[in-house]
Every structure is written in structure tokens, then in C-alpha cells.
Protein backbone atom coordinates (compact mmCIF):
# COMPACT_ATOMS: atom_id res chain seq x y z
CA MET A 1 -12.50 105.85 7.56
CA LYS A 2 -8.79 106.04 6.79
CA PRO A 3 -6.25 108.86 6.62
CA LYS A 4 -5.83 110.48 3.21
CA HIS A 5 -2.39 112.04 3.58
CA ILE A 6 0.33 111.29 6.14
CA LEU A 7 4.00 112.13 6.65
CA VAL A 8 6.40 109.34 7.57
CA TYR A 9 9.80 110.23 9.09
CA CYS A 10 12.47 107.57 8.37
CA PRO A 11 15.92 108.03 9.93
CA VAL A 12 17.29 105.74 7.20
CA PHE A 13 15.81 104.76 3.87
CA LEU A 14 16.49 103.23 0.46
CA PRO A 15 18.99 102.91 -1.19
CA GLN A 16 20.43 101.84 2.16
CA GLN A 17 19.96 98.10 2.54
CA SER A 18 19.21 97.38 6.20
CA GLY A 19 16.55 95.82 8.37
CA TYR A 20 15.27 99.30 9.30
CA SER A 21 15.00 100.58 5.73
CA HIS A 22 13.21 97.42 4.61
CA ALA A 23 10.80 97.61 7.56
CA PHE A 24 9.94 101.27 6.75
CA VAL A 25 9.38 100.51 3.11
CA GLN A 26 7.03 97.58 4.00
CA LEU A 27 4.69 99.88 5.97
CA ILE A 28 4.80 102.61 3.39
CA ASP A 29 4.01 100.06 0.67
CA THR A 30 1.03 98.83 2.72
CA LEU A 31 -0.28 102.42 3.05
CA LEU A 32 0.15 103.11 -0.66
CA GLU A 33 -1.71 99.93 -1.56
CA GLN A 34 -4.61 101.23 0.57
CA GLY A 35 -4.69 104.52 -1.34
CA VAL A 36 -3.05 106.67 1.35
CA GLN A 37 -0.87 109.48 0.05
CA VAL A 38 2.51 109.33 1.79
CA ASP A 39 5.21 112.01 2.13
CA VAL A 40 8.53 110.58 3.41
CA VAL A 41 11.10 112.77 5.12
CA THR A 42 14.55 111.22 5.52
CA PRO A 43 18.14 112.34 6.05
CA GLU A 44 19.24 109.54 3.67
CA LEU A 45 20.64 111.25 0.61
CA LEU A 46 20.98 109.97 -2.96
CA GLU A 47 24.17 110.17 -4.97
CA ALA A 48 24.01 112.83 -7.64
CA GLY A 49 22.29 111.54 -10.74
CA ARG A 50 20.93 108.44 -9.08
CA GLU A 51 17.25 107.72 -9.72
CA GLU A 52 14.83 107.51 -6.78
CA PRO A 53 14.69 103.74 -5.91
CA PHE A 54 11.15 103.77 -4.60
CA GLN A 55 8.50 105.42 -6.85
CA HIS A 56 4.71 105.52 -6.69
CA PRO A 57 2.08 108.06 -7.82
CA LEU A 58 1.00 108.66 -4.25
CA LEU A 59 4.56 108.95 -2.84
CA ARG A 60 6.82 111.88 -2.38
CA ILE A 61 10.26 111.63 -0.79
CA PHE A 62 11.99 114.62 0.79
CA ARG A 63 15.69 113.97 1.45
CA TYR A 64 16.93 116.61 3.84
CA THR A 65 20.19 116.59 5.84
CA PRO A 66 21.44 119.81 7.42
CA LYS A 67 24.92 119.37 8.95
CA LEU A 68 27.41 121.07 11.16
CA SER A 69 30.91 119.65 11.63
CA VAL A 70 30.98 120.00 15.45
CA TRP A 71 29.53 116.68 16.75
CA LEU A 72 27.16 117.73 19.60
CA LEU A 73 26.24 121.10 18.06
CA GLY A 74 25.73 119.31 14.77
CA LEU A 75 23.39 116.77 16.42
CA LEU A 76 21.30 119.54 17.97
CA TYR A 77 21.33 121.60 14.76
CA SER A 78 20.37 118.75 12.35
CA SER A 79 17.61 117.38 14.56
CA GLY A 80 16.16 120.81 15.15
CA LYS A 81 16.31 121.72 11.48
CA ARG A 82 14.63 118.43 10.41
CA ALA A 83 11.89 119.05 12.95
CA GLY A 84 11.47 122.58 11.59
CA PHE A 85 11.20 121.11 8.07
CA ILE A 86 8.48 118.73 9.18
CA ASN A 87 6.65 121.59 10.94
CA LYS A 88 6.71 123.57 7.66
CA LEU A 89 5.49 120.66 5.58
CA ASN A 90 2.65 120.20 8.03
CA ASP A 91 1.71 123.87 7.71
CA ALA A 92 1.67 123.43 3.94
CA TYR A 93 -0.18 120.08 3.64
CA SER A 94 -2.15 119.66 6.94
CA TYR A 95 -1.30 116.05 7.32
CA ASP A 96 -3.87 113.69 8.88
CA MET A 97 -1.05 111.98 10.82
CA VAL A 98 2.69 112.23 11.33
CA TRP A 99 4.36 108.81 11.77
CA VAL A 100 7.89 108.72 13.17
CA GLU A 101 9.80 105.49 12.64
CA THR A 102 11.96 104.58 15.70
CA GLY A 103 12.67 106.54 18.78
CA ASP A 104 16.27 107.03 17.71
CA ASP A 105 16.01 110.92 17.45
CA PRO A 106 14.38 112.21 20.64
CA LEU A 107 15.88 115.64 19.83
CA LEU A 108 13.72 115.78 16.72
CA LEU A 109 10.66 114.84 18.70
CA ALA A 110 11.38 117.44 21.33
CA SER A 111 11.59 120.08 18.60
CA LEU A 112 8.24 119.42 16.81
CA ASN A 113 5.61 122.05 17.36
CA ARG A 114 2.30 121.36 19.11
CA LYS A 115 0.27 121.22 15.97
CA VAL A 116 2.45 118.31 14.75
CA LEU A 117 2.85 116.59 18.16
CA HIS A 118 -0.94 116.21 18.71
CA LYS A 119 -1.08 113.87 15.68
CA THR A 120 2.35 112.23 15.87
CA VAL A 121 2.82 108.51 16.55
CA VAL A 122 6.29 107.19 17.38
CA ARG A 123 6.80 103.50 16.44
CA PHE A 124 9.59 101.89 18.43
CA HIS A 125 11.36 99.11 16.55
CA ALA A 126 14.11 97.30 18.30
CA THR A 127 17.15 97.78 20.46
CA SER A 128 18.82 100.98 19.45
CA ASP A 129 15.76 103.00 20.71
CA THR A 130 15.10 100.76 23.77
CA GLU A 131 17.64 98.43 25.43
CA TYR A 132 20.79 100.23 24.18
CA LEU A 133 19.64 103.31 26.04
CA LEU A 134 19.88 101.42 29.32
CA VAL A 135 22.84 99.04 28.77
CA SER A 136 25.19 100.93 26.43
CA LYS A 137 27.84 103.32 27.73
CA ALA A 138 28.29 104.98 24.28
CA LYS A 139 27.90 108.76 24.37
CA LYS A 140 25.12 108.82 21.70
CA TYR A 141 22.92 106.50 23.79
CA ARG A 142 23.51 108.33 27.04
CA ILE A 143 22.47 111.55 25.31
CA ARG A 144 19.40 109.95 23.78
CA LYS A 145 18.37 108.58 27.20
CA PHE A 146 18.80 112.00 28.81
CA VAL A 147 16.70 113.70 26.09
CA TRP A 148 13.97 111.06 26.25
CA ARG A 149 13.64 111.28 30.03
CA ASN A 150 13.89 115.06 30.33
CA LEU A 151 12.25 116.41 27.15
CA SER A 152 10.69 114.04 24.64
CA ALA A 153 8.89 111.87 27.24
CA TYR A 154 6.71 114.82 28.16
CA ASN A 155 5.82 115.71 24.55
CA ILE A 156 4.84 112.42 23.00
CA ARG A 157 1.19 111.43 23.26
CA PHE A 158 0.95 108.43 21.05
CA VAL A 159 3.31 105.44 20.79
CA SER A 160 3.38 102.16 18.97
CA ALA A 161 5.99 99.39 18.45
CA THR A 162 6.59 96.45 16.17
CA ASN A 163 6.14 94.03 19.08
CA ALA A 164 4.53 93.97 22.46
CA TYR A 165 7.72 93.62 24.42
CA HIS A 166 9.30 96.83 23.15
CA LEU A 167 6.04 98.74 23.39
CA HIS A 168 5.87 98.06 27.11
CA PHE A 169 9.62 98.61 27.49
CA ALA A 170 9.32 102.09 26.12
CA MET A 171 6.27 102.85 28.28
CA GLN A 172 8.09 101.67 31.40
CA TYR A 173 11.51 103.12 30.94
CA LEU A 174 11.31 106.06 28.62
CA LEU A 175 7.90 107.72 28.49
CA LYS A 176 5.85 109.87 30.91
CA SER A 177 2.48 110.82 29.44
CA ALA A 178 2.08 108.88 26.22
CA SER A 179 -0.93 106.73 25.48
CA ILE A 180 -0.81 103.33 23.89
CA VAL A 181 -2.91 103.94 20.76
CA GLY A 182 -5.32 101.33 19.55
CA ALA A 183 -3.70 97.88 19.85
CA GLY A 184 -0.38 99.63 20.21
CA VAL A 185 1.46 97.12 18.05
CA CYS A 186 2.03 97.71 14.30
CA ILE A 187 4.04 94.74 13.04
CA ASN A 188 6.68 94.37 10.45
CA THR A 189 5.58 91.99 7.68
CA VAL A 190 6.82 89.05 5.63
CA ASN A 191 6.92 90.29 2.09
CA LYS A 192 5.78 86.98 0.79
CA ALA A 193 5.81 83.50 2.24
CA VAL A 194 7.55 81.65 -0.54
CA SER A 195 8.21 78.22 0.97
CA ASN A 196 6.32 75.01 0.39
CA ARG A 197 8.45 72.56 2.24
CA SER A 198 7.55 68.87 1.87
CA ALA A 199 10.69 67.13 3.10
CA ILE A 200 13.67 67.80 5.32
CA HIS A 201 17.30 67.50 4.36
CA ALA A 202 19.25 64.60 5.92
CA ALA A 203 22.17 66.98 6.46
CA LYS A 204 20.77 70.14 8.12
CA GLN A 205 21.68 73.54 6.84
CA PHE A 206 21.91 76.33 9.47
CA VAL A 207 22.12 80.04 8.80
CA MET A 208 22.81 83.11 10.94
CA LEU A 209 23.07 86.83 10.08
CA GLY A 210 23.96 89.91 12.03
CA ARG A 211 26.23 92.96 12.48
CA MET A 212 29.73 92.30 13.75
CA ASP A 213 30.43 95.84 14.92
CA ARG A 214 30.98 96.64 18.61
CA GLU A 215 27.32 96.74 19.45
CA GLY A 216 25.98 94.07 17.12
CA TYR A 217 28.53 91.38 17.92
CA LYS A 218 27.33 90.96 21.49
CA GLN A 219 23.67 91.80 20.74
CA LYS A 220 23.43 89.03 18.08
CA GLY A 221 25.26 86.47 20.26
CA PHE A 222 28.29 85.67 18.07
CA ASP A 223 30.33 85.14 21.27
CA LEU A 224 27.78 82.49 22.31
CA VAL A 225 28.12 80.78 18.93
CA LEU A 226 31.85 80.51 19.52
CA GLU A 227 31.18 78.95 22.94
CA ALA A 228 28.67 76.42 21.33
CA LEU A 229 30.71 75.32 18.29
CA PRO A 230 33.20 73.03 19.99
CA LEU A 231 30.35 71.32 21.80
CA VAL A 232 28.50 70.78 18.50
CA ASN A 233 31.45 69.94 16.26
CA GLU A 234 31.51 66.22 16.56
CA THR A 235 27.77 65.84 15.86
CA ALA A 236 27.92 68.31 12.98
CA LEU A 237 30.75 66.39 11.28
CA ARG A 238 29.09 63.08 11.77
CA LEU A 239 25.75 64.26 10.36
CA ASP A 240 27.32 66.47 7.68
CA ALA A 241 25.57 69.59 8.97
CA LYS A 242 26.54 73.00 7.64
CA LEU A 243 26.42 76.52 9.18
CA THR A 244 26.52 79.73 7.07
CA ILE A 245 27.18 82.87 9.05
CA ILE A 246 26.70 86.27 7.33
CA GLY A 247 28.10 89.41 8.98
CA SER A 248 30.55 92.25 8.71
CA GLY A 249 32.08 94.76 11.04
CA GLU A 250 35.15 95.40 13.14
CA TYR A 251 35.05 91.95 14.76
CA ALA A 252 34.58 90.02 11.45
CA ASN A 253 38.25 89.19 10.85
CA GLN A 254 38.79 87.78 14.31
CA PHE A 255 35.55 85.82 14.14
CA LYS A 256 36.59 84.36 10.78
CA LYS A 257 39.86 83.12 12.31
CA GLU A 258 38.01 81.57 15.26
CA VAL A 259 35.59 79.59 13.04
CA SER A 260 38.16 78.54 10.41
CA GLN A 261 38.98 75.49 12.57
CA TYR A 262 35.45 74.11 11.88
CA ALA A 263 35.19 72.68 8.40
CA TRP A 264 31.32 72.76 8.48
CA VAL A 265 31.15 76.54 9.22
CA ASN A 266 31.30 79.13 6.46
CA HIS A 267 31.57 82.84 7.30
CA ILE A 268 30.55 85.32 4.58
CA GLU A 269 31.02 89.00 5.28
CA GLU A 270 28.50 90.56 2.92
CA LEU A 271 25.88 89.46 0.40
CA PRO A 272 23.23 91.30 -1.66
CA HIS A 273 19.76 90.94 -0.19
CA GLU A 274 18.57 88.65 -3.03
CA HIS A 275 21.44 86.21 -2.34
CA ILE A 276 20.49 86.07 1.33
CA ALA A 277 16.91 85.17 0.31
CA SER A 278 18.35 82.36 -1.79
CA ILE A 279 20.37 81.02 1.17
CA LEU A 280 17.29 81.01 3.30
CA GLN A 281 15.42 78.91 0.77
CA LYS A 282 18.17 76.33 0.90
CA SER A 283 18.53 76.30 4.71
CA ASP A 284 16.64 74.36 7.34
CA VAL A 285 17.22 76.25 10.59
CA VAL A 286 17.99 79.85 11.48
CA LEU A 287 20.19 80.67 14.57
CA MET A 288 19.22 83.79 16.57
CA PRO A 289 21.01 83.56 19.95
CA SER A 290 20.48 87.30 20.57
CA ARG A 291 20.85 89.02 23.95
CA TYR A 292 18.03 91.37 22.93
CA GLU A 293 16.13 91.69 19.67
CA GLY A 294 13.20 93.46 17.98
CA LEU A 295 10.95 92.02 15.37
CA SER A 296 13.91 91.35 13.10
CA ILE A 297 13.35 91.59 9.37
CA PHE A 298 15.84 88.75 8.83
CA ALA A 299 13.93 86.59 11.26
CA LEU A 300 10.66 87.37 9.48
CA GLU A 301 12.23 86.39 6.12
CA ALA A 302 13.34 83.12 7.72
CA LEU A 303 9.82 82.60 8.98
CA GLY A 304 8.40 83.21 5.57
CA ALA A 305 10.96 80.83 4.01
CA GLY A 306 9.68 78.12 6.42
CA LEU A 307 12.82 77.60 8.55
CA GLY A 308 12.94 76.11 12.00
CA PHE A 309 14.25 78.38 14.71
CA VAL A 310 16.92 78.14 17.42
CA MET A 311 16.42 81.48 19.11
CA SER A 312 16.79 83.28 22.44
CA ASP A 313 13.75 83.82 24.57
CA VAL A 314 13.90 87.62 24.31
CA GLY A 315 12.09 90.67 23.08
CA GLY A 316 10.35 90.58 19.72
CA LEU A 317 11.59 87.08 18.97
CA ARG A 318 8.91 85.74 21.33
CA ASP A 319 6.33 86.89 18.81
CA LEU A 320 7.81 84.45 16.30
CA TRP A 321 7.42 81.41 18.56
CA ALA A 322 4.83 78.84 17.43
CA ASN A 323 6.34 75.49 18.47
CA ASN A 324 8.53 76.01 15.38
CA GLY A 325 11.88 75.28 16.95
CA TRP A 326 13.91 75.71 20.13
CA LEU A 327 13.68 78.57 22.65
CA VAL A 328 17.07 79.08 24.31
CA THR A 329 17.79 80.79 27.63
CA PRO A 330 19.65 84.02 26.84
CA LEU A 331 23.46 84.04 27.42
CA ASN A 332 23.61 80.20 27.60
CA GLY A 333 26.12 78.81 25.12
CA GLN A 334 25.71 75.25 26.39
CA GLU A 335 21.96 75.34 25.91
CA LEU A 336 22.49 76.79 22.46
CA ALA A 337 24.75 73.90 21.60
CA LYS A 338 22.25 71.39 22.94
CA SER A 339 19.48 72.91 20.85
CA MET A 340 21.63 72.90 17.72
CA ILE A 341 22.43 69.21 18.21
CA GLU A 342 18.75 68.41 18.69
CA ALA A 343 17.95 70.31 15.52
CA MET A 344 20.54 68.36 13.60
CA GLN A 345 18.98 65.06 14.80
CA ASP A 346 15.33 66.04 14.67
CA GLU A 347 13.18 63.80 12.50
CA HIS A 348 10.16 66.04 13.00
CA LEU A 349 11.77 69.28 11.86
CA LEU A 350 9.36 69.51 8.89
CA PHE A 351 6.48 70.05 11.36
CA LYS A 352 8.35 72.92 12.98
CA GLN A 353 9.13 74.46 9.58
CA GLN A 354 5.44 74.22 8.63
CA GLN A 355 4.56 75.98 11.80
CA SER A 356 6.83 78.87 10.78
CA GLU A 357 5.13 79.06 7.35
CA SER A 358 1.68 79.03 8.97
CA LEU A 359 2.61 81.83 11.40
CA ALA A 360 4.04 83.94 8.55
CA GLN A 361 0.93 83.49 6.42
CA GLN A 362 -1.55 84.18 9.20
CA THR A 363 0.03 86.87 11.40
CA PHE A 364 2.74 88.84 9.59
CA THR A 365 0.84 90.02 6.51
CA LYS A 366 0.03 93.36 4.97
CA GLN A 367 -3.63 92.84 5.85
CA VAL A 368 -2.88 92.42 9.51
CA GLN A 369 -0.49 95.38 9.47
CA TRP A 370 -3.11 97.62 7.77
CA GLN A 371 -5.76 96.69 10.40
CA GLN A 372 -3.31 97.45 13.21
CA PHE A 373 -2.47 100.75 11.58
CA LEU A 374 -6.14 101.67 11.28
CA LYS A 375 -6.71 100.95 14.99
CA ILE A 376 -3.80 103.34 15.81
CA TRP A 377 -5.18 105.95 13.43
CA GLU A 378 -8.59 105.73 15.10
CA GLY A 379 -6.92 106.11 18.47
CA VAL A 380 -5.19 109.26 17.38
CA GLN A 381 -8.48 110.63 16.01
CA ASN A 382 -10.18 109.99 19.30
CA GLY A 383 -7.24 111.06 21.43
């Protein structure tokens, strides 16, 4: 048995190009392929006259953004109004399930009525709805943490996450009475494993991507890369290695100045998604020295492209480990440099790359995602 009609709330959505929006679309696409009718509610608006970028006979998209100009009042108003809109849609269509992507809007969750809450699953994704609530001093995260602990934590019955680490993180630090439904985890997927690597490059090509705003710069470990580069420089020049770093934000200009002294490092601020996919196909190793990380869409794309990994031993990245690279102790620039040098010199990198391909093809597929979703659905039905 499967649900016939569900509502999915997405805090961001196409045409925005982000890891979140791509992850949400992946799950929705999986549901549509299985014949489930999906209604999406999102505050992401389209420009006037622009055609809906995601269309399917079983899909309806409701773009709804009430706003007030006063920040805190506007936050309360818009979250409450969106919750009211979801409540009305449920009255009209009697959804089998309501699926809320991310825990980023606890005010919305606190405002849903009981008829909706008893069939609502919240899927935690990454860091903005988990670690940031504990480590960030920013006002928005302090407010979210307060609302989670004092309101939403008592309302939510069913939770999921894209990875085991963040599922248990949410249960331990944010929630009070929720149940882990089914297997609990509902993964993100690799759209398609497109690599068939049969040889390694003599000169290794490295790639890294991430936000260079105030939060993303430290989260993604760009400061650790700057610590590692002078330790790697001599080996990289001798072996003709290359590192492409893709990232934009308020720290991008300063970062570009810092790396300009290294002839083998190229910093690109922005690229269309299809160009990033092309770079992955030409690369050998992906760098992910994150302080904390979810089940990153970029990491999954690198997995599907058959790259080796130099990555921190944190969060959702652990789910991508299959003897396919180097696990680095978080916050350790010297160990990051050592792993990069080993990757540049590794004659057995092809084996690690093939391990990535195998993991992508066996674990992060639409079929696996659908089976995990069904277990969660059954848990809600029996809950």
C-alpha cells in the first residue's frame, strides 16, 4: 500500500539552484514516478510571466508568500499564514500525508492544526536545522532554537532525516515526544551515476565547492584549506596537481587574494549546475573539510561521478565513506594537507574511485529512497 495524495512543504524550490532545492525535487520526482499525486507548497515565487520549471500531470505547485515589513512580526505572520494555508489545503484535499522538508521553520510547525500534525513528517536535512541552532549566535537561529524547544518539540510526532547522524541529533537536542518513523532515514539520491573510470590521471585534479558567506565559509572549511595549501604547494607543483574551488559570498574576494599566490589553485565564484557536473567528470578527488555537514547534494554528485574523497569525519559525510578516500579529523589543517599529498601520490586511487561509484549505484538510488519512504509512510499509518 502506498499514499495516493501527499502535500510536500519546501522552504525553497525551483527555479532556485541550491542543494536544498535539488534534494527536494529528487524526492518529489521519486514519488511522482511511483504514481503518487503531490501538491507542493513553497514560499519561492516565480517572476511574472515565467513558466513553471517543474511540471508533471500528478504535480501541483502552490507558491505562497505572505509578508510584513517588520522583521520579527513578519516572521510570525508569514509562518502562521503558510501554516493556515496548509491547514486549508488539507481540509480541501484530505492528504494521506504532509511532508515538511527541513526543520528550518518551527513557527510553521507550531501553527499547524491537529488534523495536519497527526500525519506530518519533518525531514531534517543538514546543518541549518541542526548544528547551527546550537553553535550560531545569529538571531534567526536563536529564535528557531527557542521555538523548537518550547513549542514545536511538543507538537511533532514523526521525524525523519537524510542521514542517521542528523536524525539522532534532532532527537537528542530538539525534540520531546516525536517518534522515529520506520527506518527514520530517507536519503537524498544520486540522479544518475555517470562515471565509468578505467584509469587515473597522472596529474590529479581536485575540486571543492561551498558557500563563502559568513556561515558557509567556516562550515565548509575554507579556512582549513588556506592552512593546508602552503604545506601542499611543493608537492602539487612537482606533480602538476590542480585544485578548482567554486564558491561565492562575502568572503570570496579575500579568499581569491589568499589563493592567488598558488599557481595550481583556481577559484571560480559561480557556475551553472551543468558546468559543475562537467568539472566533476574531469576531476579525480573532491575536498570536503567541513566542520559539520549533512548528506550534501554536491558530495553525492561527486560520488556518482566516481571521485575519491578527502573529507572530514563528520555528520552525513560518514554515510559516504566506503574506503573511497581519506577521512580527516575535523579542524585539522595539517591532516588535511597530509591527505591531499597522499591523494596526489596515490597509485591506487582508481580503486577508491570505483568504491565511490559502487556506493552511489547501490545505496543512493531512487529505489532505495522509495523503500525508505514507504517504511516511514507505514509508520505514520500505524502511529
